[in-house]
Amino acid sequence: LHSFPTRRSSDLEVRRFVKDRLPADIRERLRLGHPPRKQDTVTWQRILNEKGWAAPHWPREFGGAELGQAERLILLDELFRAPAPLPQVFNVGMLGPVLLKFGTEAQKRHFLPKLANLDIWFCQGFSEPGSGSDLASLRTSAKREGDQYIVNGQKTWTTLGQYGEWIFCLVRTSTEGKPQTGISFLLIDMKSPGVTVRPIKLLDGECEVNEVFFDNVEVPAENLIGEENKGWTYAKHLLSHERTNIADVNRAKRELERLKRIAKAEGVYDDIRFRDEIAKLEVDVVALEMMVLRVLAAEKSGKQSLDVAGLLKIRGSEIQQRYSELMMLAGGPFSLPLIREAMEAGWQGNFPGGHPQLAPLSSTYFNLRKTTIYGGSNEVQRNIVAQTILG
């Protein structure tokens, strides 16, 4: 995989590795539509990390394989095809790139290998009550006292915060000047006294997001990334990666094939109007993939644009909602049951007329309602595009 002489050979190498090493119980759980459990992700990421594939685009000295972006897309394609858990995105896709660009050598050597091997599980502390899309208005404060910061405030919608061992936070270290100029980027150990995590139950019945409270939390000053009051710059760098990830084109390709299977199983694939909707979605997925490749090529040449990443976020999140809606339409009444206890016990539509691929549909549908809001709402992203690209 390190050389990738041809697309076909690299596909087969990854496919063989996944077939040989992915635990069968994890594969089956994901095939039936369940999200990976924490231990599923930890187990599989450590297996991937043996080959440098947990963080494939990182330098080898920090646990990566120095793969190009096209090679990375091939790897993701095969992980989705398996299906297999993806590497933990907050570690690998968000914090990792920030540390590589702005961290000290000591921070890189301490944190990056642990991020790649998932020895530390990070979550993201950006949004606050009243400070989501308008992130610059955040109020969580960090006051410098000697060789430490004292942090007070609240974060919300913290994805998988119930698993978090550390959290990377935007905190306010100054109230002078523009709001963006007084923000710093801080790493906080969630085992510190004064940190409280409170789960939030979502429409799909899962507690995927959380509130996190900081009450006089002491954080060593060495956990500051880059310079004080320059955190907004680092956050923009991170968000460009996050919004590219939200495009989630590999997942869209897999779910498009799943949509076709459901439509055929339910007898609606022969309906020309329904098939037209699938065809329009497929055209948009292909266009999204081409757009992702353009962005990645620009990133390699040093011309990556946050604004273009915002375009990816808009289109990718809308596509996720569209395929979940079409699956619900194809499944009809069999897509509606959401019986959490039954699903956890292994029930997957095993009744006359039921199909295993239908059971998790309502859960997926409800969960994907959030995609046009998180990572910067699509309305805000459109304003940014209008101002900076269209002029």
Protein backbone atom coordinates (compact mmCIF):
# COMPACT_ATOMS: atom_id res chain seq x y z
CA LEU A 1 0.00 0.00 0.00
CA HIS A 2 2.90 2.36 0.65
CA SER A 3 3.73 2.50 -3.07
CA PHE A 4 0.26 1.92 -4.58
CA PRO A 5 1.44 1.05 -8.13
CA THR A 6 -2.14 0.68 -9.40
CA ARG A 7 -5.63 1.34 -8.08
CA ARG A 8 -6.53 -2.34 -8.51
CA SER A 9 -3.56 -3.72 -6.57
CA SER A 10 -4.07 -1.30 -3.70
CA ASP A 11 -7.78 -2.18 -3.52
CA LEU A 12 -6.92 -5.86 -3.27
CA GLU A 13 -4.20 -5.34 -0.66
CA VAL A 14 -6.50 -3.40 1.65
CA ARG A 15 -9.39 -5.80 0.99
CA ARG A 16 -7.25 -8.82 1.90
CA PHE A 17 -6.00 -7.13 5.06
CA VAL A 18 -9.53 -6.23 6.18
CA LYS A 19 -10.81 -9.72 5.40
CA ASP A 20 -8.02 -11.37 7.37
CA ARG A 21 -7.85 -9.03 10.38
CA LEU A 22 -11.29 -7.50 10.99
CA PRO A 23 -13.02 -9.41 13.84
CA ALA A 24 -16.16 -11.13 12.56
CA ASP A 25 -18.38 -9.86 15.38
CA ILE A 26 -17.49 -6.24 14.61
CA ARG A 27 -18.13 -6.71 10.89
CA GLU A 28 -21.52 -8.33 11.54
CA ARG A 29 -22.59 -5.62 13.96
CA LEU A 30 -21.90 -2.89 11.40
CA ARG A 31 -23.44 -4.91 8.55
CA LEU A 32 -26.71 -5.02 10.48
CA GLY A 33 -26.73 -1.25 10.82
CA HIS A 34 -25.54 -0.76 14.39
CA PRO A 35 -22.96 1.94 15.13
CA PRO A 36 -19.59 0.65 16.34
CA ARG A 37 -19.14 0.44 20.09
CA LYS A 38 -16.19 2.21 21.70
CA GLN A 39 -14.25 -1.03 22.08
CA ASP A 40 -14.97 -1.93 18.42
CA THR A 41 -13.29 1.28 17.31
CA VAL A 42 -10.37 0.88 19.72
CA THR A 43 -9.74 -2.75 18.70
CA TRP A 44 -9.85 -2.09 14.97
CA GLN A 45 -7.88 1.17 15.05
CA ARG A 46 -5.04 -0.57 16.86
CA ILE A 47 -5.02 -3.29 14.19
CA LEU A 48 -4.90 -0.62 11.46
CA ASN A 49 -2.16 1.21 13.32
CA GLU A 50 0.14 -1.81 12.99
CA LYS A 51 0.46 -0.84 9.30
CA GLY A 52 0.32 2.91 9.80
CA TRP A 53 -3.23 2.98 8.42
CA ALA A 54 -4.97 4.47 11.46
CA ALA A 55 -3.55 7.87 10.47
CA PRO A 56 -2.39 7.02 6.94
CA HIS A 57 -1.61 10.61 5.87
CA TRP A 58 0.65 11.37 8.86
CA PRO A 59 4.48 11.17 8.81
CA ARG A 60 5.85 7.74 9.66
CA GLU A 61 7.74 9.09 12.68
CA PHE A 62 4.39 9.79 14.36
CA GLY A 63 2.64 6.55 13.39
CA GLY A 64 1.41 7.30 9.87
CA ALA A 65 2.19 5.81 6.47
CA GLU A 66 2.65 9.07 4.51
CA LEU A 67 -0.04 8.08 2.02
CA GLY A 68 -1.33 10.55 -0.53
CA GLN A 69 -4.93 11.72 -0.42
CA ALA A 70 -6.00 9.50 -3.33
CA GLU A 71 -4.49 6.48 -1.55
CA ARG A 72 -6.26 7.49 1.64
CA LEU A 73 -9.59 7.56 -0.24
CA ILE A 74 -8.94 4.03 -1.48
CA LEU A 75 -8.36 2.89 2.09
CA LEU A 76 -11.59 4.55 3.27
CA ASP A 77 -13.51 3.01 0.36
CA GLU A 78 -12.47 -0.46 1.46
CA LEU A 79 -13.25 0.20 5.13
CA PHE A 80 -16.76 1.29 4.22
CA ARG A 81 -17.15 -1.66 1.87
CA ALA A 82 -16.24 -4.21 4.58
CA PRO A 83 -17.89 -2.62 6.64
CA ALA A 84 -15.36 -1.74 9.33
CA PRO A 85 -15.13 1.03 11.96
CA LEU A 86 -13.34 4.15 10.82
CA PRO A 87 -10.39 5.57 12.76
CA GLN A 88 -11.60 7.90 15.51
CA VAL A 89 -12.07 11.19 13.68
CA PHE A 90 -11.38 13.60 16.57
CA ASN A 91 -7.96 12.02 17.11
CA VAL A 92 -6.91 11.42 13.54
CA GLY A 93 -8.85 13.84 11.35
CA MET A 94 -9.07 16.91 13.57
CA LEU A 95 -6.59 17.23 16.44
CA GLY A 96 -3.80 15.37 14.63
CA PRO A 97 -3.51 17.88 11.73
CA VAL A 98 -3.56 20.81 14.21
CA LEU A 99 -0.73 19.29 16.26
CA LEU A 100 1.29 18.50 13.15
CA LYS A 101 1.07 22.10 11.96
CA PHE A 102 1.04 24.13 15.18
CA GLY A 103 2.15 21.87 18.06
CA THR A 104 5.56 21.89 19.71
CA GLU A 105 7.91 18.98 19.13
CA ALA A 106 7.26 17.81 22.69
CA GLN A 107 3.47 17.90 22.11
CA LYS A 108 3.79 16.00 18.83
CA ARG A 109 5.95 13.26 20.30
CA HIS A 110 3.78 12.89 23.38
CA PHE A 111 0.33 12.98 21.80
CA LEU A 112 0.48 11.88 18.15
CA PRO A 113 1.48 8.21 18.66
CA LYS A 114 -1.20 7.93 21.37
CA LEU A 115 -3.80 9.49 19.05
CA ALA A 116 -2.97 7.04 16.26
CA ASN A 117 -3.12 3.99 18.54
CA LEU A 118 -6.21 5.31 20.37
CA ASP A 119 -4.42 5.14 23.71
CA ILE A 120 -6.17 8.47 24.37
CA TRP A 121 -9.75 9.18 23.21
CA PHE A 122 -10.23 12.88 22.44
CA CYS A 123 -13.51 14.72 21.97
CA GLN A 124 -14.14 18.24 20.70
CA GLY A 125 -15.14 21.19 22.90
CA PHE A 126 -16.18 23.98 20.55
CA SER A 127 -19.95 24.69 20.67
CA GLU A 128 -21.58 26.26 23.71
CA PRO A 129 -25.18 27.19 24.60
CA GLY A 130 -25.74 30.25 22.39
CA SER A 131 -22.37 29.83 20.62
CA GLY A 132 -22.73 27.24 17.90
CA SER A 133 -22.74 28.69 14.41
CA ASP A 134 -21.50 31.97 15.93
CA LEU A 135 -18.54 30.22 17.51
CA ALA A 136 -16.56 33.43 18.06
CA SER A 137 -19.05 34.42 20.78
CA LEU A 138 -17.94 31.56 23.07
CA ARG A 139 -17.63 32.41 26.77
CA THR A 140 -15.77 29.49 28.41
CA SER A 141 -12.86 31.28 30.08
CA ALA A 142 -9.26 30.25 30.78
CA LYS A 143 -7.34 32.55 33.10
CA ARG A 144 -3.58 32.21 33.36
CA GLU A 145 -2.32 31.78 36.92
CA GLY A 146 1.38 30.99 37.02
CA ASP A 147 2.10 27.80 35.10
CA GLN A 148 -1.55 26.80 34.67
CA TYR A 149 -4.93 27.97 33.34
CA ILE A 150 -8.13 27.97 35.40
CA VAL A 151 -11.03 27.01 33.12
CA ASN A 152 -14.70 27.79 33.78
CA GLY A 153 -17.69 27.41 31.48
CA GLN A 154 -19.76 24.93 29.50
CA LYS A 155 -19.57 23.12 26.17
CA THR A 156 -22.52 21.38 24.52
CA TRP A 157 -23.25 18.93 21.67
CA THR A 158 -19.92 17.26 22.52
CA THR A 159 -19.99 14.18 20.31
CA LEU A 160 -19.03 10.96 22.14
CA GLY A 161 -18.01 13.03 25.15
CA GLN A 162 -19.14 10.14 27.36
CA TYR A 163 -16.12 8.22 26.01
CA GLY A 164 -13.74 11.17 26.14
CA GLU A 165 -10.56 10.92 28.17
CA TRP A 166 -9.26 14.27 26.90
CA ILE A 167 -10.97 17.19 25.17
CA PHE A 168 -9.51 19.85 22.87
CA CYS A 169 -11.24 23.14 23.65
CA LEU A 170 -11.57 26.65 22.38
CA VAL A 171 -11.44 28.93 25.42
CA ARG A 172 -11.51 32.69 25.92
CA THR A 173 -8.23 34.06 27.22
CA SER A 174 -8.87 37.72 26.39
CA THR A 175 -11.89 40.02 26.02
CA GLU A 176 -10.00 42.80 24.24
CA GLY A 177 -10.43 43.53 20.54
CA LYS A 178 -12.45 41.42 18.12
CA PRO A 179 -14.00 38.26 19.63
CA GLN A 180 -11.86 36.01 17.40
CA THR A 181 -8.60 37.50 18.70
CA GLY A 182 -9.15 36.44 22.32
CA ILE A 183 -9.56 32.68 21.78
CA SER A 184 -6.99 29.99 22.62
CA PHE A 185 -6.74 26.27 21.86
CA LEU A 186 -6.30 24.13 24.98
CA LEU A 187 -6.01 20.38 25.67
CA ILE A 188 -7.80 19.31 28.87
CA ASP A 189 -7.63 15.99 30.72
CA MET A 190 -11.27 15.08 31.43
CA LYS A 191 -10.27 13.26 34.60
CA SER A 192 -9.30 16.61 36.11
CA PRO A 193 -11.30 17.72 39.17
CA GLY A 194 -14.14 20.05 38.16
CA VAL A 195 -14.99 18.39 34.80
CA THR A 196 -18.57 17.04 34.59
CA VAL A 197 -20.12 15.25 31.58
CA ARG A 198 -23.90 15.07 31.18
CA PRO A 199 -25.30 12.98 28.27
CA ILE A 200 -28.08 14.35 26.00
CA LYS A 201 -30.53 11.78 24.60
CA LEU A 202 -31.32 12.30 20.90
CA LEU A 203 -34.35 11.46 18.75
CA ASP A 204 -32.88 8.07 17.86
CA GLY A 205 -32.65 7.14 21.55
CA GLU A 206 -28.85 7.33 21.69
CA CYS A 207 -26.78 9.62 23.92
CA GLU A 208 -24.33 10.48 21.16
CA VAL A 209 -23.81 14.06 22.35
CA ASN A 210 -23.17 15.57 25.75
CA GLU A 211 -22.85 18.69 27.85
CA VAL A 212 -19.44 19.25 29.45
CA PHE A 213 -19.03 21.58 32.44
CA PHE A 214 -15.79 23.13 33.73
CA ASP A 215 -15.69 24.37 37.32
CA ASN A 216 -12.29 25.87 38.23
CA VAL A 217 -10.48 23.17 36.25
CA GLU A 218 -6.69 23.43 36.49
CA VAL A 219 -4.92 22.88 33.16
CA PRO A 220 -1.11 22.95 32.77
CA ALA A 221 0.01 25.84 30.56
CA GLU A 222 2.07 23.34 28.51
CA ASN A 223 -1.28 22.05 27.15
CA LEU A 224 -1.75 25.28 25.19
CA ILE A 225 -1.44 24.68 21.44
CA GLY A 226 0.50 27.38 19.61
CA GLU A 227 0.25 30.92 20.93
CA GLU A 228 -2.24 32.35 23.38
CA ASN A 229 -5.14 34.21 21.66
CA LYS A 230 -4.33 32.58 18.29
CA GLY A 231 -6.76 29.68 18.71
CA TRP A 232 -9.16 30.99 16.06
CA THR A 233 -6.48 30.43 13.42
CA TYR A 234 -5.97 26.85 14.59
CA ALA A 235 -9.73 26.25 14.75
CA LYS A 236 -10.13 27.34 11.12
CA HIS A 237 -7.44 24.87 10.11
CA LEU A 238 -9.24 22.11 12.03
CA LEU A 239 -12.66 23.05 10.62
CA SER A 240 -11.37 22.81 7.06
CA HIS A 241 -10.54 19.15 7.81
CA GLU A 242 -13.81 18.60 9.66
CA ARG A 243 -15.95 19.96 6.83
CA THR A 244 -14.11 17.85 4.28
CA ASN A 245 -14.76 14.83 6.51
CA ILE A 246 -18.46 15.74 6.85
CA ALA A 247 -18.76 15.41 3.06
CA ASP A 248 -18.37 11.67 3.83
CA VAL A 249 -18.33 10.67 0.18
CA ASN A 250 -17.17 7.11 0.92
CA ARG A 251 -20.13 6.53 3.21
CA ALA A 252 -22.47 8.05 0.61
CA LYS A 253 -21.23 5.55 -2.01
CA ARG A 254 -21.87 2.63 0.35
CA GLU A 255 -25.29 3.90 1.39
CA LEU A 256 -26.26 4.47 -2.25
CA GLU A 257 -25.72 0.77 -2.91
CA ARG A 258 -27.68 -0.08 0.22
CA LEU A 259 -30.54 2.13 -0.99
CA LYS A 260 -30.65 0.18 -4.25
CA ARG A 261 -30.78 -3.13 -2.36
CA ILE A 262 -33.64 -1.93 -0.19
CA ALA A 263 -35.56 -0.57 -3.17
CA LYS A 264 -35.19 -3.89 -5.02
CA ALA A 265 -36.14 -5.94 -1.94
CA GLU A 266 -39.26 -3.82 -1.38
CA GLY A 267 -40.32 -3.87 -5.03
CA VAL A 268 -40.08 -0.12 -5.65
CA TYR A 269 -36.96 -0.17 -7.84
CA ASP A 270 -39.16 -0.76 -10.89
CA ASP A 271 -41.07 2.46 -10.20
CA ILE A 272 -39.57 4.85 -12.75
CA ARG A 273 -40.13 7.93 -10.58
CA PHE A 274 -38.41 6.35 -7.61
CA ARG A 275 -35.54 5.18 -9.80
CA ASP A 276 -35.21 8.75 -11.13
CA GLU A 277 -34.64 9.92 -7.55
CA ILE A 278 -31.94 7.28 -7.08
CA ALA A 279 -30.32 8.33 -10.37
CA LYS A 280 -30.28 12.01 -9.35
CA LEU A 281 -28.73 11.06 -6.02
CA GLU A 282 -26.08 8.94 -7.76
CA VAL A 283 -25.14 11.84 -10.06
CA ASP A 284 -24.73 14.08 -7.02
CA VAL A 285 -22.61 11.49 -5.19
CA VAL A 286 -20.27 11.20 -8.19
CA ALA A 287 -20.07 15.00 -8.44
CA LEU A 288 -19.30 15.20 -4.71
CA GLU A 289 -16.49 12.68 -5.12
CA MET A 290 -14.98 14.73 -7.95
CA MET A 291 -15.24 17.85 -5.80
CA VAL A 292 -13.53 16.11 -2.87
CA LEU A 293 -10.68 15.05 -5.17
CA ARG A 294 -10.30 18.65 -6.37
CA VAL A 295 -10.12 19.93 -2.79
CA LEU A 296 -7.57 17.28 -1.83
CA ALA A 297 -5.47 18.09 -4.88
CA ALA A 298 -5.56 21.79 -3.94
CA GLU A 299 -4.57 20.90 -0.38
CA LYS A 300 -1.55 18.97 -1.66
CA SER A 301 -0.43 21.98 -3.69
CA GLY A 302 -0.85 24.30 -0.71
CA LYS A 303 -3.98 26.01 -2.05
CA GLN A 304 -6.56 24.46 0.28
CA SER A 305 -9.49 26.79 0.94
CA LEU A 306 -11.70 26.76 4.00
CA ASP A 307 -14.48 28.17 1.85
CA VAL A 308 -14.34 25.26 -0.60
CA ALA A 309 -14.39 22.88 2.34
CA GLY A 310 -17.61 24.65 3.35
CA LEU A 311 -19.10 23.79 -0.04
CA LEU A 312 -18.23 20.14 0.56
CA LYS A 313 -19.93 20.28 3.94
CA ILE A 314 -23.13 21.73 2.43
CA ARG A 315 -23.43 19.19 -0.36
CA GLY A 316 -22.25 16.18 1.64
CA SER A 317 -24.65 16.77 4.54
CA GLU A 318 -27.61 17.25 2.19
CA ILE A 319 -26.77 14.01 0.39
CA GLN A 320 -26.71 12.13 3.71
CA GLN A 321 -30.21 13.36 4.48
CA ARG A 322 -31.47 12.51 1.00
CA TYR A 323 -30.33 8.89 1.03
CA SER A 324 -31.80 8.35 4.49
CA GLU A 325 -35.11 9.82 3.32
CA LEU A 326 -35.19 7.63 0.20
CA MET A 327 -34.44 4.53 2.29
CA MET A 328 -37.37 5.36 4.55
CA LEU A 329 -39.62 5.80 1.51
CA ALA A 330 -38.45 2.50 0.03
CA GLY A 331 -38.93 0.62 3.29
CA GLY A 332 -42.41 2.00 3.91
CA PRO A 333 -43.98 0.74 7.16
CA PHE A 334 -41.09 -1.68 7.80
CA SER A 335 -38.71 1.26 8.21
CA LEU A 336 -40.64 2.73 11.13
CA PRO A 337 -40.07 0.44 14.16
CA LEU A 338 -37.39 1.73 16.50
CA ILE A 339 -37.34 -0.67 19.42
CA ARG A 340 -33.97 -0.10 21.06
CA GLU A 341 -34.03 -3.12 23.36
CA ALA A 342 -35.03 -5.46 20.54
CA MET A 343 -32.31 -4.18 18.22
CA GLU A 344 -29.64 -4.50 20.91
CA ALA A 345 -30.81 -8.08 21.48
CA GLY A 346 -30.21 -8.88 17.80
CA TRP A 347 -33.66 -8.47 16.25
CA GLN A 348 -33.26 -7.35 12.65
CA GLY A 349 -36.63 -7.48 10.95
CA ASN A 350 -37.02 -11.26 11.17
CA PHE A 351 -40.73 -11.44 10.51
CA PRO A 352 -42.87 -12.12 7.40
CA GLY A 353 -42.20 -9.36 4.90
CA GLY A 354 -39.41 -7.87 7.00
CA HIS A 355 -35.87 -7.45 5.75
CA PRO A 356 -32.70 -7.25 7.89
CA GLN A 357 -31.50 -4.11 6.15
CA LEU A 358 -34.61 -2.17 7.19
CA ALA A 359 -34.52 -2.41 10.99
CA PRO A 360 -32.11 0.51 11.73
CA LEU A 361 -33.57 2.90 9.11
CA SER A 362 -35.56 5.16 11.41
CA SER A 363 -32.58 5.46 13.74
CA THR A 364 -30.36 6.53 10.83
CA TYR A 365 -32.98 8.95 9.55
CA PHE A 366 -33.37 10.69 12.90
CA ASN A 367 -29.63 10.82 13.52
CA LEU A 368 -28.86 12.44 10.16
CA ARG A 369 -31.22 15.37 10.77
CA LYS A 370 -28.26 17.04 12.52
CA THR A 371 -25.83 16.97 9.60
CA THR A 372 -26.90 20.30 8.10
CA ILE A 373 -26.35 21.99 11.49
CA TYR A 374 -23.12 20.66 13.01
CA GLY A 375 -19.69 21.72 11.79
CA GLY A 376 -21.18 25.14 10.96
CA SER A 377 -24.80 25.25 9.81
CA ASN A 378 -25.43 25.17 6.07
CA GLU A 379 -27.06 28.61 6.18
CA VAL A 380 -23.89 30.09 7.66
CA GLN A 381 -21.73 28.17 5.18
CA ARG A 382 -23.74 29.60 2.28
CA ASN A 383 -23.18 33.12 3.59
CA ILE A 384 -19.43 32.47 3.81
CA VAL A 385 -19.37 31.11 0.25
CA ALA A 386 -21.39 34.08 -1.01
CA GLN A 387 -19.05 36.59 0.64
CA THR A 388 -15.66 35.06 -0.06
CA ILE A 389 -16.07 33.12 -3.31
CA LEU A 390 -18.86 34.89 -5.20
CA GLY A 391 -17.84 38.33 -3.93
